N, C-alpha and C. Protein backbone atom coordinates (compact mmCIF):
# COMPACT_ATOMS: atom_id res chain seq x y z
N UNK A 1 151.30 -126.61 -175.65
CA UNK A 1 152.22 -125.58 -175.24
C UNK A 1 153.50 -125.70 -176.03
N UNK A 2 154.07 -124.56 -176.33
CA UNK A 2 155.34 -124.54 -177.06
C UNK A 2 156.38 -123.85 -176.20
N UNK A 3 157.60 -124.33 -176.32
CA UNK A 3 158.71 -123.73 -175.57
C UNK A 3 159.55 -122.94 -176.55
N UNK A 4 159.50 -121.60 -176.46
CA UNK A 4 160.25 -120.74 -177.37
C UNK A 4 161.22 -119.93 -176.54
N UNK A 5 162.48 -120.22 -176.71
CA UNK A 5 163.53 -119.50 -176.00
C UNK A 5 163.37 -119.54 -174.50
N UNK A 6 162.93 -120.64 -173.99
CA UNK A 6 162.80 -120.79 -172.56
C UNK A 6 161.48 -120.27 -172.02
N UNK A 7 160.60 -119.69 -172.93
CA UNK A 7 159.30 -119.20 -172.50
C UNK A 7 158.23 -120.15 -173.00
N UNK A 8 157.31 -120.47 -172.17
CA UNK A 8 156.24 -121.39 -172.54
C UNK A 8 155.09 -120.56 -173.13
N UNK A 9 154.72 -120.91 -174.36
CA UNK A 9 153.63 -120.21 -175.05
C UNK A 9 152.41 -121.12 -175.07
N UNK A 10 151.30 -120.57 -174.71
CA UNK A 10 150.05 -121.32 -174.78
C UNK A 10 149.44 -121.07 -176.16
N UNK A 11 148.49 -121.91 -176.53
CA UNK A 11 147.83 -121.73 -177.82
C UNK A 11 147.07 -120.41 -177.86
N UNK A 12 146.59 -119.95 -176.72
CA UNK A 12 145.89 -118.67 -176.65
C UNK A 12 146.86 -117.53 -176.96
N UNK A 13 148.03 -117.59 -176.40
CA UNK A 13 149.02 -116.54 -176.67
C UNK A 13 149.45 -116.56 -178.13
N UNK A 14 149.57 -117.74 -178.72
CA UNK A 14 149.91 -117.85 -180.15
C UNK A 14 148.79 -117.24 -181.00
N UNK A 15 147.56 -117.52 -180.62
CA UNK A 15 146.42 -116.98 -181.37
C UNK A 15 146.39 -115.46 -181.28
N UNK A 16 146.65 -114.92 -180.08
CA UNK A 16 146.69 -113.47 -179.90
C UNK A 16 147.74 -112.84 -180.80
N UNK A 17 148.88 -113.45 -180.89
CA UNK A 17 149.96 -112.94 -181.72
C UNK A 17 149.57 -112.96 -183.20
N UNK A 18 148.98 -114.03 -183.64
CA UNK A 18 148.54 -114.14 -185.04
C UNK A 18 147.48 -113.10 -185.34
N UNK A 19 146.47 -112.96 -184.48
CA UNK A 19 145.39 -112.00 -184.70
C UNK A 19 145.94 -110.58 -184.74
N UNK A 20 146.84 -110.25 -183.81
CA UNK A 20 147.39 -108.89 -183.78
C UNK A 20 148.23 -108.61 -185.02
N UNK A 21 148.80 -109.61 -185.61
CA UNK A 21 149.57 -109.42 -186.84
C UNK A 21 148.71 -109.37 -188.09
N UNK A 22 147.61 -110.12 -188.09
CA UNK A 22 146.75 -110.21 -189.27
C UNK A 22 145.74 -109.06 -189.33
N UNK A 23 145.34 -108.51 -188.20
CA UNK A 23 144.32 -107.47 -188.16
C UNK A 23 144.66 -106.27 -189.05
N UNK A 24 145.85 -105.69 -188.95
CA UNK A 24 146.15 -104.55 -189.83
C UNK A 24 146.09 -104.93 -191.32
N UNK A 25 146.50 -106.15 -191.63
CA UNK A 25 146.45 -106.60 -193.02
C UNK A 25 145.00 -106.71 -193.50
N UNK A 26 144.11 -107.26 -192.68
CA UNK A 26 142.70 -107.36 -193.03
C UNK A 26 142.06 -105.98 -193.19
N UNK A 27 142.40 -105.05 -192.31
CA UNK A 27 141.87 -103.69 -192.40
C UNK A 27 142.31 -103.06 -193.72
N UNK A 28 143.55 -103.26 -194.10
CA UNK A 28 144.08 -102.72 -195.36
C UNK A 28 143.34 -103.34 -196.54
N UNK A 29 143.17 -104.65 -196.56
CA UNK A 29 142.49 -105.33 -197.66
C UNK A 29 141.05 -104.86 -197.78
N UNK A 30 140.32 -104.82 -196.66
CA UNK A 30 138.93 -104.36 -196.69
C UNK A 30 138.84 -102.90 -197.14
N UNK A 31 139.78 -102.08 -196.70
CA UNK A 31 139.80 -100.67 -197.11
C UNK A 31 139.98 -100.53 -198.61
N UNK A 32 140.89 -101.31 -199.17
CA UNK A 32 141.12 -101.26 -200.62
C UNK A 32 139.87 -101.73 -201.37
N UNK A 33 139.26 -102.81 -200.92
CA UNK A 33 138.05 -103.34 -201.57
C UNK A 33 136.93 -102.31 -201.52
N UNK A 34 136.70 -101.72 -200.36
CA UNK A 34 135.63 -100.72 -200.23
C UNK A 34 135.93 -99.50 -201.08
N UNK A 35 137.16 -99.04 -201.07
CA UNK A 35 137.55 -97.88 -201.88
C UNK A 35 137.33 -98.15 -203.37
N UNK A 36 137.71 -99.33 -203.81
CA UNK A 36 137.51 -99.69 -205.22
C UNK A 36 136.02 -99.75 -205.57
N UNK A 37 135.22 -100.26 -204.66
CA UNK A 37 133.77 -100.33 -204.91
C UNK A 37 133.18 -98.93 -205.02
N UNK A 38 133.61 -98.03 -204.15
CA UNK A 38 133.12 -96.65 -204.21
C UNK A 38 133.54 -95.99 -205.51
N UNK A 39 134.79 -96.15 -205.88
CA UNK A 39 135.27 -95.56 -207.13
C UNK A 39 134.54 -96.13 -208.34
N UNK A 40 134.29 -97.44 -208.32
CA UNK A 40 133.57 -98.08 -209.41
C UNK A 40 132.16 -97.53 -209.51
N UNK A 41 131.49 -97.37 -208.37
CA UNK A 41 130.15 -96.79 -208.35
C UNK A 41 130.15 -95.37 -208.87
N UNK A 42 131.16 -94.59 -208.49
CA UNK A 42 131.26 -93.21 -208.97
C UNK A 42 131.49 -93.19 -210.48
N UNK A 43 132.33 -94.09 -210.97
CA UNK A 43 132.59 -94.15 -212.42
C UNK A 43 131.32 -94.54 -213.17
N UNK A 44 130.57 -95.51 -212.64
CA UNK A 44 129.33 -95.93 -213.29
C UNK A 44 128.32 -94.80 -213.31
N UNK A 45 128.21 -94.10 -212.20
CA UNK A 45 127.28 -92.97 -212.13
C UNK A 45 127.70 -91.87 -213.10
N UNK A 46 128.98 -91.60 -213.17
CA UNK A 46 129.48 -90.57 -214.10
C UNK A 46 129.23 -90.99 -215.54
N UNK A 47 129.42 -92.26 -215.85
CA UNK A 47 129.17 -92.76 -217.21
C UNK A 47 127.69 -92.64 -217.56
N UNK A 48 126.82 -93.05 -216.65
CA UNK A 48 125.37 -92.93 -216.89
C UNK A 48 124.99 -91.47 -217.13
N UNK A 49 125.59 -90.58 -216.35
CA UNK A 49 125.32 -89.16 -216.51
C UNK A 49 125.77 -88.66 -217.89
N UNK A 50 126.93 -89.09 -218.34
CA UNK A 50 127.43 -88.70 -219.67
C UNK A 50 126.53 -89.24 -220.78
N UNK A 51 126.08 -90.46 -220.62
CA UNK A 51 125.18 -91.06 -221.63
C UNK A 51 123.90 -90.25 -221.68
N UNK A 52 123.36 -89.93 -220.52
CA UNK A 52 122.12 -89.15 -220.50
C UNK A 52 122.31 -87.79 -221.16
N UNK A 53 123.43 -87.14 -220.88
CA UNK A 53 123.70 -85.84 -221.52
C UNK A 53 123.73 -85.99 -223.04
N UNK A 54 124.25 -87.10 -223.51
CA UNK A 54 124.37 -87.32 -224.96
C UNK A 54 123.01 -87.57 -225.61
N UNK A 55 122.07 -88.18 -224.91
CA UNK A 55 120.79 -88.53 -225.53
C UNK A 55 119.65 -87.60 -225.15
N UNK A 56 119.82 -86.80 -224.12
CA UNK A 56 118.71 -86.01 -223.59
C UNK A 56 118.14 -85.02 -224.61
N UNK A 57 118.99 -84.42 -225.42
CA UNK A 57 118.50 -83.47 -226.43
C UNK A 57 117.62 -84.17 -227.46
N UNK A 58 118.06 -85.33 -227.93
CA UNK A 58 117.27 -86.08 -228.91
C UNK A 58 115.95 -86.56 -228.31
N UNK A 59 116.00 -87.03 -227.07
CA UNK A 59 114.76 -87.47 -226.41
C UNK A 59 113.78 -86.30 -226.26
N UNK A 60 114.31 -85.16 -225.88
CA UNK A 60 113.44 -83.98 -225.72
C UNK A 60 112.87 -83.56 -227.07
N UNK A 61 113.67 -83.63 -228.13
CA UNK A 61 113.16 -83.30 -229.46
C UNK A 61 112.02 -84.23 -229.87
N UNK A 62 112.17 -85.51 -229.58
CA UNK A 62 111.12 -86.48 -229.90
C UNK A 62 109.84 -86.11 -229.14
N UNK A 63 109.98 -85.85 -227.86
CA UNK A 63 108.81 -85.51 -227.05
C UNK A 63 108.16 -84.21 -227.55
N UNK A 64 108.97 -83.20 -227.82
CA UNK A 64 108.43 -81.92 -228.31
C UNK A 64 107.71 -82.09 -229.65
N UNK A 65 108.28 -82.89 -230.52
CA UNK A 65 107.66 -83.12 -231.83
C UNK A 65 106.28 -83.77 -231.67
N UNK A 66 106.21 -84.74 -230.79
CA UNK A 66 104.94 -85.43 -230.55
C UNK A 66 103.91 -84.50 -229.92
N UNK A 67 104.38 -83.58 -229.09
CA UNK A 67 103.49 -82.70 -228.33
C UNK A 67 103.20 -81.38 -229.01
N UNK A 68 103.84 -81.13 -230.16
CA UNK A 68 103.68 -79.86 -230.86
C UNK A 68 104.12 -78.69 -229.97
N UNK A 69 105.20 -78.84 -229.26
CA UNK A 69 105.73 -77.77 -228.41
C UNK A 69 107.22 -77.57 -228.72
N UNK A 70 107.76 -76.49 -228.21
CA UNK A 70 109.18 -76.23 -228.39
C UNK A 70 109.55 -76.10 -229.85
N UNK A 71 110.64 -76.73 -230.24
CA UNK A 71 111.15 -76.60 -231.59
C UNK A 71 110.60 -77.61 -232.59
N UNK A 72 109.40 -78.11 -232.37
CA UNK A 72 108.85 -79.14 -233.25
C UNK A 72 108.78 -78.68 -234.70
N UNK A 73 108.58 -77.39 -234.93
CA UNK A 73 108.42 -76.87 -236.30
C UNK A 73 109.72 -76.97 -237.11
N UNK A 74 110.85 -77.09 -236.41
CA UNK A 74 112.14 -77.19 -237.08
C UNK A 74 112.48 -78.61 -237.51
N UNK A 75 111.69 -79.57 -237.05
CA UNK A 75 112.04 -80.98 -237.21
C UNK A 75 111.13 -81.69 -238.21
N UNK A 76 111.74 -82.47 -239.09
CA UNK A 76 110.98 -83.24 -240.07
C UNK A 76 110.75 -84.66 -239.53
N UNK A 77 109.86 -85.40 -240.16
CA UNK A 77 109.70 -86.80 -239.75
C UNK A 77 111.01 -87.58 -239.86
N UNK A 78 111.81 -87.25 -240.84
CA UNK A 78 113.09 -87.95 -241.00
C UNK A 78 114.04 -87.63 -239.83
N UNK A 79 113.96 -86.39 -239.33
CA UNK A 79 114.75 -86.02 -238.15
C UNK A 79 114.35 -86.88 -236.95
N UNK A 80 113.04 -87.13 -236.83
CA UNK A 80 112.55 -87.93 -235.70
C UNK A 80 113.07 -89.35 -235.76
N UNK A 81 113.04 -89.94 -236.93
CA UNK A 81 113.53 -91.31 -237.08
C UNK A 81 115.03 -91.36 -236.79
N UNK A 82 115.76 -90.35 -237.25
CA UNK A 82 117.21 -90.30 -236.99
C UNK A 82 117.49 -90.16 -235.49
N UNK A 83 116.71 -89.35 -234.82
CA UNK A 83 116.90 -89.18 -233.38
C UNK A 83 116.56 -90.47 -232.63
N UNK A 84 115.49 -91.13 -233.05
CA UNK A 84 115.14 -92.42 -232.43
C UNK A 84 116.30 -93.41 -232.58
N UNK A 85 116.84 -93.48 -233.76
CA UNK A 85 117.96 -94.41 -233.99
C UNK A 85 119.16 -94.07 -233.12
N UNK A 86 119.48 -92.79 -233.01
CA UNK A 86 120.63 -92.37 -232.21
C UNK A 86 120.43 -92.71 -230.73
N UNK A 87 119.23 -92.45 -230.22
CA UNK A 87 118.95 -92.75 -228.81
C UNK A 87 118.93 -94.26 -228.59
N UNK A 88 118.30 -95.00 -229.49
CA UNK A 88 118.29 -96.47 -229.38
C UNK A 88 119.71 -97.01 -229.35
N UNK A 89 120.55 -96.51 -230.22
CA UNK A 89 121.93 -96.99 -230.29
C UNK A 89 122.64 -96.77 -228.96
N UNK A 90 122.51 -95.58 -228.40
CA UNK A 90 123.17 -95.30 -227.12
C UNK A 90 122.58 -96.14 -225.99
N UNK A 91 121.26 -96.20 -225.92
CA UNK A 91 120.63 -96.94 -224.83
C UNK A 91 120.96 -98.43 -224.89
N UNK A 92 120.93 -99.01 -226.06
CA UNK A 92 121.20 -100.44 -226.16
C UNK A 92 122.69 -100.75 -226.04
N UNK A 93 123.54 -99.83 -226.47
CA UNK A 93 124.98 -100.02 -226.32
C UNK A 93 125.37 -100.02 -224.85
N UNK A 94 124.79 -99.11 -224.09
CA UNK A 94 125.15 -98.95 -222.68
C UNK A 94 124.13 -99.57 -221.73
N UNK A 95 123.32 -100.45 -222.23
CA UNK A 95 122.28 -101.08 -221.41
C UNK A 95 122.79 -101.67 -220.11
N UNK A 96 123.96 -102.30 -220.07
CA UNK A 96 124.42 -102.88 -218.80
C UNK A 96 124.63 -101.86 -217.68
N UNK A 97 124.73 -100.59 -218.03
CA UNK A 97 125.00 -99.57 -217.03
C UNK A 97 123.72 -98.99 -216.42
N UNK A 98 122.57 -99.42 -216.93
CA UNK A 98 121.30 -98.89 -216.44
C UNK A 98 120.48 -99.99 -215.80
N UNK A 99 119.51 -99.58 -215.00
CA UNK A 99 118.65 -100.54 -214.32
C UNK A 99 117.62 -101.14 -215.27
N UNK A 100 117.11 -102.28 -214.87
CA UNK A 100 116.03 -102.93 -215.63
C UNK A 100 114.81 -102.01 -215.67
N UNK A 101 114.57 -101.31 -214.57
CA UNK A 101 113.43 -100.39 -214.50
C UNK A 101 113.58 -99.25 -215.51
N UNK A 102 114.79 -98.74 -215.67
CA UNK A 102 114.99 -97.66 -216.63
C UNK A 102 114.68 -98.15 -218.03
N UNK A 103 115.15 -99.34 -218.36
CA UNK A 103 114.88 -99.85 -219.70
C UNK A 103 113.40 -100.10 -219.94
N UNK A 104 112.70 -100.51 -218.91
CA UNK A 104 111.25 -100.71 -219.05
C UNK A 104 110.57 -99.38 -219.36
N UNK A 105 110.96 -98.31 -218.66
CA UNK A 105 110.33 -97.01 -218.92
C UNK A 105 110.76 -96.47 -220.28
N UNK A 106 111.98 -96.75 -220.69
CA UNK A 106 112.45 -96.31 -222.01
C UNK A 106 111.63 -97.02 -223.10
N UNK A 107 111.47 -98.31 -222.96
CA UNK A 107 110.69 -99.07 -223.93
C UNK A 107 109.25 -98.57 -224.01
N UNK A 108 108.65 -98.24 -222.85
CA UNK A 108 107.29 -97.72 -222.85
C UNK A 108 107.20 -96.38 -223.58
N UNK A 109 108.19 -95.52 -223.36
CA UNK A 109 108.16 -94.23 -224.06
C UNK A 109 108.30 -94.43 -225.56
N UNK A 110 109.25 -95.25 -225.98
CA UNK A 110 109.46 -95.46 -227.42
C UNK A 110 108.24 -96.15 -228.05
N UNK A 111 107.59 -97.04 -227.31
CA UNK A 111 106.38 -97.68 -227.84
C UNK A 111 105.23 -96.69 -227.97
N UNK A 112 105.18 -95.70 -227.07
CA UNK A 112 104.15 -94.66 -227.15
C UNK A 112 104.48 -93.66 -228.26
N UNK A 113 105.75 -93.51 -228.57
CA UNK A 113 106.19 -92.51 -229.55
C UNK A 113 106.25 -93.05 -230.98
N UNK A 114 106.57 -94.34 -231.13
CA UNK A 114 106.80 -94.91 -232.46
C UNK A 114 106.12 -96.27 -232.59
N UNK A 115 105.73 -96.58 -233.80
CA UNK A 115 105.26 -97.92 -234.13
C UNK A 115 106.41 -98.60 -234.85
N UNK A 116 107.10 -99.50 -234.18
CA UNK A 116 108.26 -100.14 -234.82
C UNK A 116 107.81 -101.20 -235.82
N UNK A 117 108.74 -101.65 -236.60
CA UNK A 117 108.50 -102.77 -237.52
C UNK A 117 107.31 -102.54 -238.44
N UNK A 118 107.37 -101.44 -239.15
CA UNK A 118 106.30 -101.10 -240.10
C UNK A 118 106.35 -101.99 -241.34
N UNK A 119 107.33 -102.84 -241.41
CA UNK A 119 107.50 -103.74 -242.54
C UNK A 119 108.97 -103.88 -242.86
N UNK A 120 109.29 -104.88 -243.65
CA UNK A 120 110.68 -105.14 -244.00
C UNK A 120 111.28 -103.93 -244.71
N UNK A 121 112.40 -103.45 -244.18
CA UNK A 121 113.10 -102.33 -244.78
C UNK A 121 112.46 -100.98 -244.55
N UNK A 122 111.41 -100.93 -243.73
CA UNK A 122 110.71 -99.66 -243.47
C UNK A 122 111.08 -99.12 -242.10
N UNK A 123 111.09 -97.80 -242.01
CA UNK A 123 111.38 -97.14 -240.73
C UNK A 123 110.18 -97.24 -239.80
N UNK A 124 110.47 -97.06 -238.52
CA UNK A 124 109.40 -96.96 -237.54
C UNK A 124 108.52 -95.77 -237.90
N UNK A 125 107.23 -95.90 -237.60
CA UNK A 125 106.31 -94.79 -237.88
C UNK A 125 106.07 -94.00 -236.60
N UNK A 126 105.80 -92.73 -236.76
CA UNK A 126 105.60 -91.82 -235.64
C UNK A 126 104.14 -91.92 -235.19
N UNK A 127 103.95 -92.16 -233.89
CA UNK A 127 102.60 -92.27 -233.34
C UNK A 127 102.05 -90.86 -233.09
N UNK A 128 101.57 -90.27 -234.16
CA UNK A 128 100.99 -88.94 -234.09
C UNK A 128 100.15 -88.71 -235.33
N UNK A 129 99.34 -87.68 -235.28
CA UNK A 129 98.55 -87.29 -236.44
C UNK A 129 99.24 -86.11 -237.11
N UNK A 130 98.86 -85.86 -238.33
CA UNK A 130 99.43 -84.74 -239.07
C UNK A 130 98.83 -83.41 -238.63
N UNK A 131 97.54 -83.45 -238.34
CA UNK A 131 96.82 -82.23 -237.97
C UNK A 131 96.11 -82.48 -236.65
N UNK A 132 96.35 -81.61 -235.68
CA UNK A 132 95.68 -81.67 -234.38
C UNK A 132 95.32 -80.24 -233.99
N UNK A 133 94.59 -80.07 -232.93
CA UNK A 133 94.33 -78.71 -232.46
C UNK A 133 95.63 -77.96 -232.10
N UNK A 134 96.71 -78.70 -231.88
CA UNK A 134 97.99 -78.08 -231.53
C UNK A 134 98.79 -77.60 -232.74
N UNK A 135 98.46 -78.07 -233.91
CA UNK A 135 99.21 -77.66 -235.09
C UNK A 135 98.99 -78.56 -236.28
N UNK A 136 99.49 -78.10 -237.42
CA UNK A 136 99.41 -78.84 -238.68
C UNK A 136 100.83 -79.04 -239.19
N UNK A 137 101.27 -80.26 -239.18
CA UNK A 137 102.66 -80.54 -239.58
C UNK A 137 102.93 -80.14 -241.03
N UNK A 138 101.93 -80.20 -241.86
CA UNK A 138 102.11 -79.89 -243.29
C UNK A 138 102.25 -78.40 -243.54
N UNK A 139 101.69 -77.58 -242.65
CA UNK A 139 101.67 -76.13 -242.88
C UNK A 139 102.58 -75.34 -241.94
N UNK A 140 102.73 -75.80 -240.71
CA UNK A 140 103.42 -75.00 -239.70
C UNK A 140 104.92 -75.25 -239.60
N UNK A 141 105.39 -76.27 -240.27
CA UNK A 141 106.82 -76.57 -240.21
C UNK A 141 107.65 -75.52 -240.93
N UNK A 142 108.92 -75.39 -240.54
CA UNK A 142 109.83 -74.43 -241.16
C UNK A 142 110.57 -75.08 -242.33
N UNK A 143 109.93 -75.97 -242.99
CA UNK A 143 110.49 -76.72 -244.12
C UNK A 143 109.37 -76.94 -245.12
N UNK A 144 109.73 -77.34 -246.28
CA UNK A 144 108.73 -77.65 -247.30
C UNK A 144 108.25 -79.09 -247.09
N UNK A 145 106.97 -79.25 -246.84
CA UNK A 145 106.39 -80.56 -246.57
C UNK A 145 106.47 -81.45 -247.80
N UNK A 146 106.82 -82.71 -247.59
CA UNK A 146 106.85 -83.69 -248.67
C UNK A 146 105.69 -84.66 -248.46
N UNK A 147 104.91 -84.83 -249.49
CA UNK A 147 103.71 -85.67 -249.39
C UNK A 147 104.04 -87.10 -248.93
N UNK A 148 105.19 -87.64 -249.33
CA UNK A 148 105.54 -89.02 -248.95
C UNK A 148 105.76 -89.16 -247.44
N UNK A 149 105.92 -88.07 -246.73
CA UNK A 149 106.09 -88.13 -245.27
C UNK A 149 104.81 -88.54 -244.57
N UNK A 150 103.68 -88.36 -245.20
CA UNK A 150 102.40 -88.67 -244.55
C UNK A 150 102.32 -90.14 -244.13
N UNK A 151 102.94 -91.04 -244.87
CA UNK A 151 102.96 -92.45 -244.52
C UNK A 151 103.85 -92.78 -243.34
N UNK A 152 104.58 -91.81 -242.85
CA UNK A 152 105.47 -92.01 -241.71
C UNK A 152 104.76 -91.80 -240.38
N UNK A 153 103.46 -91.53 -240.44
CA UNK A 153 102.66 -91.29 -239.24
C UNK A 153 101.57 -92.35 -239.12
N UNK A 154 101.26 -92.70 -237.89
CA UNK A 154 100.18 -93.67 -237.65
C UNK A 154 98.82 -92.98 -237.67
N UNK A 155 98.84 -91.67 -237.61
CA UNK A 155 97.62 -90.84 -237.60
C UNK A 155 96.76 -91.12 -236.36
N UNK A 156 97.43 -91.40 -235.27
CA UNK A 156 96.75 -91.57 -234.00
C UNK A 156 97.18 -90.44 -233.06
N UNK A 157 96.44 -90.25 -232.03
CA UNK A 157 96.74 -89.20 -231.07
C UNK A 157 96.76 -89.82 -229.69
N UNK A 158 97.95 -89.94 -229.09
CA UNK A 158 98.06 -90.50 -227.75
C UNK A 158 98.97 -89.62 -226.90
N UNK A 159 98.70 -88.34 -226.96
CA UNK A 159 99.51 -87.32 -226.28
C UNK A 159 99.65 -87.60 -224.78
N UNK A 160 98.57 -87.99 -224.11
CA UNK A 160 98.62 -88.24 -222.67
C UNK A 160 99.52 -89.44 -222.34
N UNK A 161 99.39 -90.50 -223.10
CA UNK A 161 100.24 -91.69 -222.88
C UNK A 161 101.71 -91.35 -223.14
N UNK A 162 101.98 -90.54 -224.14
CA UNK A 162 103.35 -90.14 -224.45
C UNK A 162 103.94 -89.29 -223.32
N UNK A 163 103.13 -88.35 -222.84
CA UNK A 163 103.59 -87.48 -221.74
C UNK A 163 103.89 -88.30 -220.49
N UNK A 164 102.99 -89.21 -220.15
CA UNK A 164 103.17 -90.05 -218.97
C UNK A 164 104.41 -90.95 -219.12
N UNK A 165 104.56 -91.55 -220.28
CA UNK A 165 105.71 -92.44 -220.51
C UNK A 165 107.03 -91.66 -220.46
N UNK A 166 107.04 -90.47 -221.02
CA UNK A 166 108.25 -89.64 -221.00
C UNK A 166 108.58 -89.21 -219.57
N UNK A 167 107.56 -88.80 -218.82
CA UNK A 167 107.75 -88.38 -217.44
C UNK A 167 108.26 -89.55 -216.59
N UNK A 168 107.70 -90.73 -216.77
CA UNK A 168 108.15 -91.92 -216.04
C UNK A 168 109.61 -92.23 -216.37
N UNK A 169 109.97 -92.12 -217.65
CA UNK A 169 111.36 -92.37 -218.04
C UNK A 169 112.29 -91.37 -217.35
N UNK A 170 111.94 -90.10 -217.35
CA UNK A 170 112.80 -89.08 -216.72
C UNK A 170 112.93 -89.31 -215.22
N UNK A 171 111.85 -89.70 -214.57
CA UNK A 171 111.90 -89.98 -213.13
C UNK A 171 112.83 -91.16 -212.85
N UNK A 172 112.71 -92.20 -213.67
CA UNK A 172 113.57 -93.37 -213.46
C UNK A 172 115.02 -93.05 -213.77
N UNK A 173 115.26 -92.22 -214.78
CA UNK A 173 116.63 -91.81 -215.09
C UNK A 173 117.22 -91.05 -213.89
N UNK A 174 116.44 -90.18 -213.27
CA UNK A 174 116.92 -89.46 -212.10
C UNK A 174 117.27 -90.44 -210.98
N UNK A 175 116.45 -91.48 -210.80
CA UNK A 175 116.77 -92.49 -209.78
C UNK A 175 118.06 -93.23 -210.15
N UNK A 176 118.21 -93.59 -211.41
CA UNK A 176 119.42 -94.29 -211.84
C UNK A 176 120.66 -93.43 -211.66
N UNK A 177 120.49 -92.13 -211.82
CA UNK A 177 121.63 -91.20 -211.66
C UNK A 177 121.80 -90.76 -210.22
N UNK A 178 120.92 -91.25 -209.34
CA UNK A 178 120.95 -90.90 -207.92
C UNK A 178 120.85 -89.40 -207.72
N UNK A 179 119.96 -88.77 -208.47
CA UNK A 179 119.77 -87.33 -208.36
C UNK A 179 118.63 -87.04 -207.42
């Protein structure tokens, strides 16, 4: 017991006084922490959304080129390699902002779309054939075909695997963006 100004204070009364004084401070601290966490989450989500906006056109071009749909006729094999590089750069630069699952689906799509490491100093090769029932890259393109481009293709056809990998990537991106 303490004697303060002629009044006897018990330890319980002292504890009540301390708790009543500390409670508003704790509420303020927790409020600030929670608010900062929400803002940080919103900033991360907004950043992921901006990154996706920046790469989505190139990803769609890659998929369309492989599938012989959309604007594939406007794109050369060199355009595809350039788009792959641009998307890789963005994805690997901002990797910490995405989930492990998103990167797994991204890697699967790129593995279905390209054969990397074609040799020292060589670009990745496109996992597609030159001529399919969907089109002939040498004849249907809106550019003059260069014979040396033929070596940029693996001459395989895995359209279903590419479609599935692309769809899985888009689904995971939507989950990462909380859409």
